[in-house]
């Protein structure tokens, strides 16, 4: 069975005061870079790949869809899965009909290696300036992502900007958002309370609900504006 319908997310407008806050937590995919545009670019590469490798390419598409579907199914199951990464992989194998080595190779190539090669061009507008301003104000910062984030943060040129990086697949977490454990772990690592932090994300029903359940203010990021509105809000503090 799935969990009950998520509670409404709790939002913060760009001009809301951040005086008194000490930390900013960030989702990665769709928040620190434009995920939709990146996926379109990868899909184009995959379409070109189809020409020379039709059978392999169609299997790749089936695997990627199954892997993402497995994640969305798992995030709303009200139970523990043990090793989250292995559980998602096994379900993707089951739904795609591909064996484990093939699924691992596909995920590594098309969701990790190829995206990081072109990720920089999709970095959110004013992201670096915003992170630098947070550091100038002595904010503590963390990334809270469903997947391991270090390689993508390195590709974006911002890994050094964060005090800690957390993944749902970490040993002490093992739950996808909207479960609040990922954000709670980050708060504990940073040594701040939920009332002293804000969470930036792109999906209200996932990131917003996780923030609400952890007691944080949630701010939704727009790919068109990026972090410009929030940089401006900081400037007027």
C-alpha atoms as a PDB file:
ATOM      1  CA  UNK A   1       0.000   0.000   0.000  1.00  0.00           C
ATOM      2  CA  UNK A   2       1.085   3.564  -0.610  1.00  0.00           C
ATOM      3  CA  UNK A   3       1.242   6.257   2.023  1.00  0.00           C
ATOM      4  CA  UNK A   4      -1.688   8.666   2.527  1.00  0.00           C
ATOM      5  CA  UNK A   5      -1.887  11.678   0.234  1.00  0.00           C
ATOM      6  CA  UNK A   6       0.915  14.150   1.024  1.00  0.00           C
ATOM      7  CA  UNK A   7       0.105  17.136   3.177  1.00  0.00           C
ATOM      8  CA  UNK A   8       0.130  20.489   1.327  1.00  0.00           C
ATOM      9  CA  UNK A   9       3.648  21.894   0.935  1.00  0.00           C
ATOM     10  CA  UNK A  10       4.617  24.967   2.878  1.00  0.00           C
ATOM     11  CA  UNK A  11       5.991  27.717   0.702  1.00  0.00           C
ATOM     12  CA  UNK A  12       8.057  30.835   1.156  1.00  0.00           C
ATOM     13  CA  UNK A  13       7.812  33.739  -1.272  1.00  0.00           C
ATOM     14  CA  UNK A  14      11.057  35.159  -2.752  1.00  0.00           C
ATOM     15  CA  UNK A  15      10.763  38.362  -0.737  1.00  0.00           C
ATOM     16  CA  UNK A  16      10.207  36.565   2.575  1.00  0.00           C
ATOM     17  CA  UNK A  17      12.728  37.609   5.189  1.00  0.00           C
ATOM     18  CA  UNK A  18      15.511  35.142   5.914  1.00  0.00           C
ATOM     19  CA  UNK A  19      16.822  37.003   8.945  1.00  0.00           C
ATOM     20  CA  UNK A  20      17.302  34.500  11.732  1.00  0.00           C
ATOM     21  CA  UNK A  21      17.861  31.567   9.407  1.00  0.00           C
ATOM     22  CA  UNK A  22      21.208  29.799   9.560  1.00  0.00           C
ATOM     23  CA  UNK A  23      21.074  27.137   6.852  1.00  0.00           C
ATOM     24  CA  UNK A  24      19.944  26.442   3.295  1.00  0.00           C
ATOM     25  CA  UNK A  25      19.318  22.918   2.027  1.00  0.00           C
ATOM     26  CA  UNK A  26      19.035  22.143  -1.693  1.00  0.00           C
ATOM     27  CA  UNK A  27      17.588  19.422  -3.856  1.00  0.00           C
ATOM     28  CA  UNK A  28      19.840  18.652  -6.836  1.00  0.00           C
ATOM     29  CA  UNK A  29      18.016  17.416  -9.952  1.00  0.00           C
ATOM     30  CA  UNK A  30      15.767  20.139 -11.327  1.00  0.00           C
ATOM     31  CA  UNK A  31      16.889  22.594  -8.655  1.00  0.00           C
ATOM     32  CA  UNK A  32      20.589  23.245  -9.180  1.00  0.00           C
ATOM     33  CA  UNK A  33      20.308  22.563 -12.910  1.00  0.00           C
ATOM     34  CA  UNK A  34      17.531  22.502 -15.511  1.00  0.00           C
ATOM     35  CA  UNK A  35      16.645  18.814 -15.523  1.00  0.00           C
ATOM     36  CA  UNK A  36      14.043  19.019 -18.300  1.00  0.00           C
ATOM     37  CA  UNK A  37      16.516  20.571 -20.735  1.00  0.00           C
ATOM     38  CA  UNK A  38      19.208  18.073 -19.772  1.00  0.00           C
ATOM     39  CA  UNK A  39      16.846  15.144 -20.317  1.00  0.00           C
ATOM     40  CA  UNK A  40      15.895  16.530 -23.726  1.00  0.00           C
ATOM     41  CA  UNK A  41      19.589  16.664 -24.665  1.00  0.00           C
ATOM     42  CA  UNK A  42      20.163  13.091 -23.472  1.00  0.00           C
ATOM     43  CA  UNK A  43      17.066  11.916 -25.329  1.00  0.00           C
ATOM     44  CA  UNK A  44      18.482  13.470 -28.502  1.00  0.00           C
ATOM     45  CA  UNK A  45      21.732  11.563 -27.973  1.00  0.00           C
ATOM     46  CA  UNK A  46      19.744   8.396 -27.421  1.00  0.00           C
ATOM     47  CA  UNK A  47      17.736   9.032 -30.598  1.00  0.00           C
ATOM     48  CA  UNK A  48      20.985   9.280 -32.556  1.00  0.00           C
ATOM     49  CA  UNK A  49      22.189   6.099 -30.862  1.00  0.00           C
ATOM     50  CA  UNK A  50      19.040   4.318 -32.120  1.00  0.00           C
ATOM     51  CA  UNK A  51      20.214   4.663 -35.732  1.00  0.00           C
ATOM     52  CA  UNK A  52      23.261   2.473 -35.251  1.00  0.00           C
ATOM     53  CA  UNK A  53      22.047   0.303 -32.375  1.00  0.00           C
ATOM     54  CA  UNK A  54      18.242  -0.075 -32.687  1.00  0.00           C
ATOM     55  CA  UNK A  55      17.750  -3.137 -30.471  1.00  0.00           C
ATOM     56  CA  UNK A  56      20.133  -1.939 -27.764  1.00  0.00           C
ATOM     57  CA  UNK A  57      18.654   1.559 -27.803  1.00  0.00           C
ATOM     58  CA  UNK A  58      15.075   0.368 -27.357  1.00  0.00           C
ATOM     59  CA  UNK A  59      16.157  -1.833 -24.476  1.00  0.00           C
ATOM     60  CA  UNK A  60      17.966   1.155 -22.988  1.00  0.00           C
ATOM     61  CA  UNK A  61      14.775   3.223 -23.153  1.00  0.00           C
ATOM     62  CA  UNK A  62      12.823   0.426 -21.478  1.00  0.00           C
ATOM     63  CA  UNK A  63      15.416   0.160 -18.710  1.00  0.00           C
ATOM     64  CA  UNK A  64      15.507   3.917 -18.049  1.00  0.00           C
ATOM     65  CA  UNK A  65      11.720   4.102 -17.884  1.00  0.00           C
ATOM     66  CA  UNK A  66      11.557   1.109 -15.565  1.00  0.00           C
ATOM     67  CA  UNK A  67      14.253   2.531 -13.304  1.00  0.00           C
ATOM     68  CA  UNK A  68      12.490   5.891 -12.956  1.00  0.00           C
ATOM     69  CA  UNK A  69       9.122   4.181 -12.525  1.00  0.00           C
ATOM     70  CA  UNK A  70      10.612   2.038  -9.754  1.00  0.00           C
ATOM     71  CA  UNK A  71      11.768   5.149  -7.913  1.00  0.00           C
ATOM     72  CA  UNK A  72       8.370   6.836  -8.142  1.00  0.00           C
ATOM     73  CA  UNK A  73       6.668   3.651  -6.945  1.00  0.00           C
ATOM     74  CA  UNK A  74       9.092   3.203  -4.055  1.00  0.00           C
ATOM     75  CA  UNK A  75       8.911   6.777  -2.800  1.00  0.00           C
ATOM     76  CA  UNK A  76       5.240   6.361  -1.846  1.00  0.00           C
ATOM     77  CA  UNK A  77       5.496   2.920  -0.254  1.00  0.00           C
ATOM     78  CA  UNK A  78       5.153   3.180   3.497  1.00  0.00           C
ATOM     79  CA  UNK A  79       7.866   0.651   4.323  1.00  0.00           C
ATOM     80  CA  UNK A  80      11.598   0.128   4.472  1.00  0.00           C
ATOM     81  CA  UNK A  81      13.417  -1.479   1.529  1.00  0.00           C
ATOM     82  CA  UNK A  82      16.744  -2.259   3.160  1.00  0.00           C
ATOM     83  CA  UNK A  83      19.346  -1.355   0.538  1.00  0.00           C
ATOM     84  CA  UNK A  84      17.415   1.283  -1.408  1.00  0.00           C
ATOM     85  CA  UNK A  85      19.703   1.299  -4.454  1.00  0.00           C
ATOM     86  CA  UNK A  86      19.578  -2.492  -4.813  1.00  0.00           C
ATOM     87  CA  UNK A  87      15.811  -2.579  -4.329  1.00  0.00           C
ATOM     88  CA  UNK A  88      15.318  -0.025  -7.113  1.00  0.00           C
ATOM     89  CA  UNK A  89      17.737  -1.882  -9.374  1.00  0.00           C
ATOM     90  CA  UNK A  90      15.994  -5.212  -8.778  1.00  0.00           C
ATOM     91  CA  UNK A  91      12.572  -3.767  -9.546  1.00  0.00           C
ATOM     92  CA  UNK A  92      13.923  -2.133 -12.724  1.00  0.00           C
ATOM     93  CA  UNK A  93      15.263  -5.554 -13.771  1.00  0.00           C
ATOM     94  CA  UNK A  94      11.887  -7.109 -13.100  1.00  0.00           C
ATOM     95  CA  UNK A  95       9.918  -4.490 -15.034  1.00  0.00           C
ATOM     96  CA  UNK A  96      12.345  -4.129 -17.961  1.00  0.00           C
ATOM     97  CA  UNK A  97      13.201  -7.807 -18.387  1.00  0.00           C
ATOM     98  CA  UNK A  98      16.932  -6.983 -18.446  1.00  0.00           C
ATOM     99  CA  UNK A  99      19.532  -8.592 -16.200  1.00  0.00           C
ATOM    100  CA  UNK A 100      21.355  -6.746 -13.426  1.00  0.00           C
ATOM    101  CA  UNK A 101      24.673  -6.113 -15.273  1.00  0.00           C
ATOM    102  CA  UNK A 102      22.817  -4.632 -18.239  1.00  0.00           C
ATOM    103  CA  UNK A 103      20.683  -2.381 -16.041  1.00  0.00           C
ATOM    104  CA  UNK A 104      23.730  -1.206 -14.079  1.00  0.00           C
ATOM    105  CA  UNK A 105      25.632  -0.434 -17.280  1.00  0.00           C
ATOM    106  CA  UNK A 106      22.672   1.462 -18.730  1.00  0.00           C
ATOM    107  CA  UNK A 107      22.093   3.556 -15.609  1.00  0.00           C
ATOM    108  CA  UNK A 108      25.801   4.335 -15.295  1.00  0.00           C
ATOM    109  CA  UNK A 109      26.104   5.435 -18.926  1.00  0.00           C
ATOM    110  CA  UNK A 110      22.839   7.302 -19.501  1.00  0.00           C
ATOM    111  CA  UNK A 111      22.002   8.684 -16.049  1.00  0.00           C
ATOM    112  CA  UNK A 112      25.491   9.316 -14.655  1.00  0.00           C
ATOM    113  CA  UNK A 113      28.338   9.517 -17.187  1.00  0.00           C
ATOM    114  CA  UNK A 114      26.723  11.163 -20.219  1.00  0.00           C
ATOM    115  CA  UNK A 115      24.754  13.761 -18.218  1.00  0.00           C
ATOM    116  CA  UNK A 116      27.790  14.916 -16.232  1.00  0.00           C
ATOM    117  CA  UNK A 117      29.675  15.565 -19.479  1.00  0.00           C
ATOM    118  CA  UNK A 118      27.217  18.315 -20.472  1.00  0.00           C
ATOM    119  CA  UNK A 119      25.755  19.313 -17.111  1.00  0.00           C
ATOM    120  CA  UNK A 120      27.520  22.651 -16.773  1.00  0.00           C
ATOM    121  CA  UNK A 121      25.557  24.204 -19.618  1.00  0.00           C
ATOM    122  CA  UNK A 122      22.295  23.590 -17.728  1.00  0.00           C
ATOM    123  CA  UNK A 123      23.334  25.102 -14.389  1.00  0.00           C
ATOM    124  CA  UNK A 124      20.603  27.292 -12.921  1.00  0.00           C
ATOM    125  CA  UNK A 125      20.923  31.045 -13.499  1.00  0.00           C
ATOM    126  CA  UNK A 126      22.529  32.982 -10.633  1.00  0.00           C
ATOM    127  CA  UNK A 127      23.223  29.768  -8.695  1.00  0.00           C
ATOM    128  CA  UNK A 128      26.907  30.469  -8.050  1.00  0.00           C
ATOM    129  CA  UNK A 129      26.245  34.075  -7.044  1.00  0.00           C
ATOM    130  CA  UNK A 130      23.529  32.957  -4.635  1.00  0.00           C
ATOM    131  CA  UNK A 131      25.726  30.290  -3.035  1.00  0.00           C
ATOM    132  CA  UNK A 132      28.556  32.792  -2.651  1.00  0.00           C
ATOM    133  CA  UNK A 133      26.230  35.275  -0.975  1.00  0.00           C
ATOM    134  CA  UNK A 134      25.006  32.590   1.425  1.00  0.00           C
ATOM    135  CA  UNK A 135      28.608  31.841   2.339  1.00  0.00           C
ATOM    136  CA  UNK A 136      29.308  35.541   2.848  1.00  0.00           C
ATOM    137  CA  UNK A 137      26.427  35.538   5.327  1.00  0.00           C
ATOM    138  CA  UNK A 138      27.852  32.451   7.058  1.00  0.00           C
ATOM    139  CA  UNK A 139      24.930  30.213   6.113  1.00  0.00           C
ATOM    140  CA  UNK A 140      25.477  26.496   6.412  1.00  0.00           C
ATOM    141  CA  UNK A 141      24.582  24.657   3.202  1.00  0.00           C
ATOM    142  CA  UNK A 142      23.782  21.086   2.236  1.00  0.00           C
ATOM    143  CA  UNK A 143      22.517  19.116  -0.732  1.00  0.00           C
ATOM    144  CA  UNK A 144      19.772  16.533  -0.151  1.00  0.00           C
ATOM    145  CA  UNK A 145      19.251  14.385  -3.250  1.00  0.00           C
ATOM    146  CA  UNK A 146      17.541  11.075  -3.959  1.00  0.00           C
ATOM    147  CA  UNK A 147      20.701   9.915  -5.753  1.00  0.00           C
ATOM    148  CA  UNK A 148      24.405  10.312  -4.884  1.00  0.00           C
ATOM    149  CA  UNK A 149      25.231  13.908  -5.783  1.00  0.00           C
ATOM    150  CA  UNK A 150      28.989  14.497  -5.561  1.00  0.00           C
ATOM    151  CA  UNK A 151      29.814  13.751  -9.222  1.00  0.00           C
ATOM    152  CA  UNK A 152      27.091  16.074 -10.520  1.00  0.00           C
ATOM    153  CA  UNK A 153      28.051  18.823  -8.095  1.00  0.00           C
ATOM    154  CA  UNK A 154      31.650  18.498  -9.279  1.00  0.00           C
ATOM    155  CA  UNK A 155      30.483  18.721 -12.903  1.00  0.00           C
ATOM    156  CA  UNK A 156      28.512  21.858 -12.017  1.00  0.00           C
ATOM    157  CA  UNK A 157      31.623  23.359 -10.416  1.00  0.00           C
ATOM    158  CA  UNK A 158      29.935  23.868  -7.029  1.00  0.00           C
ATOM    159  CA  UNK A 159      30.886  20.865  -4.878  1.00  0.00           C
ATOM    160  CA  UNK A 160      33.096  23.097  -2.729  1.00  0.00           C
ATOM    161  CA  UNK A 161      30.135  25.365  -1.955  1.00  0.00           C
ATOM    162  CA  UNK A 162      28.422  22.877   0.371  1.00  0.00           C
ATOM    163  CA  UNK A 163      29.184  21.885   3.932  1.00  0.00           C
ATOM    164  CA  UNK A 164      27.634  18.449   3.472  1.00  0.00           C
ATOM    165  CA  UNK A 165      26.104  16.306   0.728  1.00  0.00           C
ATOM    166  CA  UNK A 166      23.408  13.720   1.452  1.00  0.00           C
ATOM    167  CA  UNK A 167      21.663  11.031  -0.578  1.00  0.00           C
ATOM    168  CA  UNK A 168      18.579   8.924   0.034  1.00  0.00           C
ATOM    169  CA  UNK A 169      20.858   5.955  -0.656  1.00  0.00           C
ATOM    170  CA  UNK A 170      23.168   6.781   2.282  1.00  0.00           C
ATOM    171  CA  UNK A 171      23.429   4.034   4.881  1.00  0.00           C
ATOM    172  CA  UNK A 172      21.624   6.055   7.541  1.00  0.00           C
ATOM    173  CA  UNK A 173      18.763   7.177   5.299  1.00  0.00           C
ATOM    174  CA  UNK A 174      17.518   4.561   2.804  1.00  0.00           C
ATOM    175  CA  UNK A 175      14.256   6.390   2.041  1.00  0.00           C
ATOM    176  CA  UNK A 176      13.312   8.542  -0.925  1.00  0.00           C
ATOM    177  CA  UNK A 177      11.634  11.895  -0.442  1.00  0.00           C
ATOM    178  CA  UNK A 178       8.906  12.815   0.499  1.00  0.00           C
ATOM    179  CA  UNK A 179       9.974  10.853   3.571  1.00  0.00           C
ATOM    180  CA  UNK A 180      11.627  13.500   5.792  1.00  0.00           C
ATOM    181  CA  UNK A 181      14.584  11.383   6.955  1.00  0.00           C
ATOM    182  CA  UNK A 182      16.972  12.782   4.330  1.00  0.00           C
ATOM    183  CA  UNK A 183      16.352  16.375   5.391  1.00  0.00           C
ATOM    184  CA  UNK A 184      16.408  15.491   9.071  1.00  0.00           C
ATOM    185  CA  UNK A 185      19.828  13.885   8.638  1.00  0.00           C
ATOM    186  CA  UNK A 186      21.168  16.998   6.912  1.00  0.00           C
ATOM    187  CA  UNK A 187      19.869  19.250   9.684  1.00  0.00           C
ATOM    188  CA  UNK A 188      21.522  17.060  12.288  1.00  0.00           C
ATOM    189  CA  UNK A 189      24.829  17.108  10.396  1.00  0.00           C
ATOM    190  CA  UNK A 190      24.748  20.893  10.056  1.00  0.00           C
ATOM    191  CA  UNK A 191      23.768  21.318  13.684  1.00  0.00           C
ATOM    192  CA  UNK A 192      20.702  23.492  13.019  1.00  0.00           C
ATOM    193  CA  UNK A 193      17.020  23.188  13.789  1.00  0.00           C
ATOM    194  CA  UNK A 194      14.268  22.975  11.174  1.00  0.00           C
ATOM    195  CA  UNK A 195      13.113  26.467  12.135  1.00  0.00           C
ATOM    196  CA  UNK A 196      16.549  27.822  11.229  1.00  0.00           C
ATOM    197  CA  UNK A 197      16.657  26.322   7.730  1.00  0.00           C
ATOM    198  CA  UNK A 198      14.998  26.489   4.327  1.00  0.00           C
ATOM    199  CA  UNK A 199      14.796  23.853   1.577  1.00  0.00           C
ATOM    200  CA  UNK A 200      15.017  24.706  -2.126  1.00  0.00           C
ATOM    201  CA  UNK A 201      13.460  22.219  -4.551  1.00  0.00           C
ATOM    202  CA  UNK A 202      11.534  21.931  -7.809  1.00  0.00           C
ATOM    203  CA  UNK A 203       8.764  19.411  -7.020  1.00  0.00           C
ATOM    204  CA  UNK A 204       6.162  20.581  -4.485  1.00  0.00           C
ATOM    205  CA  UNK A 205       4.617  17.129  -4.030  1.00  0.00           C
ATOM    206  CA  UNK A 206       8.028  15.572  -3.337  1.00  0.00           C
ATOM    207  CA  UNK A 207      10.430  18.263  -2.102  1.00  0.00           C
ATOM    208  CA  UNK A 208       7.706  20.450  -0.625  1.00  0.00           C
ATOM    209  CA  UNK A 209       6.074  17.605   1.243  1.00  0.00           C
ATOM    210  CA  UNK A 210       9.426  16.343   2.561  1.00  0.00           C
ATOM    211  CA  UNK A 211      10.176  19.854   3.810  1.00  0.00           C
ATOM    212  CA  UNK A 212       6.765  20.188   5.452  1.00  0.00           C
ATOM    213  CA  UNK A 213       7.170  16.846   7.210  1.00  0.00           C
ATOM    214  CA  UNK A 214      10.618  17.849   8.456  1.00  0.00           C
ATOM    215  CA  UNK A 215       9.348  21.260   9.594  1.00  0.00           C
ATOM    216  CA  UNK A 216      11.265  23.368   7.046  1.00  0.00           C
ATOM    217  CA  UNK A 217      10.136  26.213   4.845  1.00  0.00           C
ATOM    218  CA  UNK A 218      10.060  25.104   1.193  1.00  0.00           C
ATOM    219  CA  UNK A 219      10.962  27.351  -1.753  1.00  0.00           C
ATOM    220  CA  UNK A 220      10.200  26.238  -5.315  1.00  0.00           C
ATOM    221  CA  UNK A 221      12.792  26.967  -7.997  1.00  0.00           C
ATOM    222  CA  UNK A 222      11.816  28.012 -11.518  1.00  0.00           C
ATOM    223  CA  UNK A 223      14.176  27.011 -14.377  1.00  0.00           C
ATOM    224  CA  UNK A 224      13.447  30.303 -16.125  1.00  0.00           C
ATOM    225  CA  UNK A 225      14.438  32.546 -13.211  1.00  0.00           C
ATOM    226  CA  UNK A 226      16.763  30.255 -11.297  1.00  0.00           C
ATOM    227  CA  UNK A 227      18.080  31.885  -8.138  1.00  0.00           C
ATOM    228  CA  UNK A 228      17.816  35.496  -9.300  1.00  0.00           C
ATOM    229  CA  UNK A 229      14.712  36.350  -7.170  1.00  0.00           C
ATOM    230  CA  UNK A 230      16.343  34.966  -4.024  1.00  0.00           C
ATOM    231  CA  UNK A 231      19.638  36.702  -4.689  1.00  0.00           C
ATOM    232  CA  UNK A 232      17.686  39.927  -4.930  1.00  0.00           C
ATOM    233  CA  UNK A 233      15.840  39.173  -1.694  1.00  0.00           C
ATOM    234  CA  UNK A 234      19.155  38.646   0.097  1.00  0.00           C
ATOM    235  CA  UNK A 235      20.448  41.944  -1.216  1.00  0.00           C
ATOM    236  CA  UNK A 236      17.570  43.762   0.500  1.00  0.00           C
ATOM    237  CA  UNK A 237      18.037  42.083   3.886  1.00  0.00           C
END
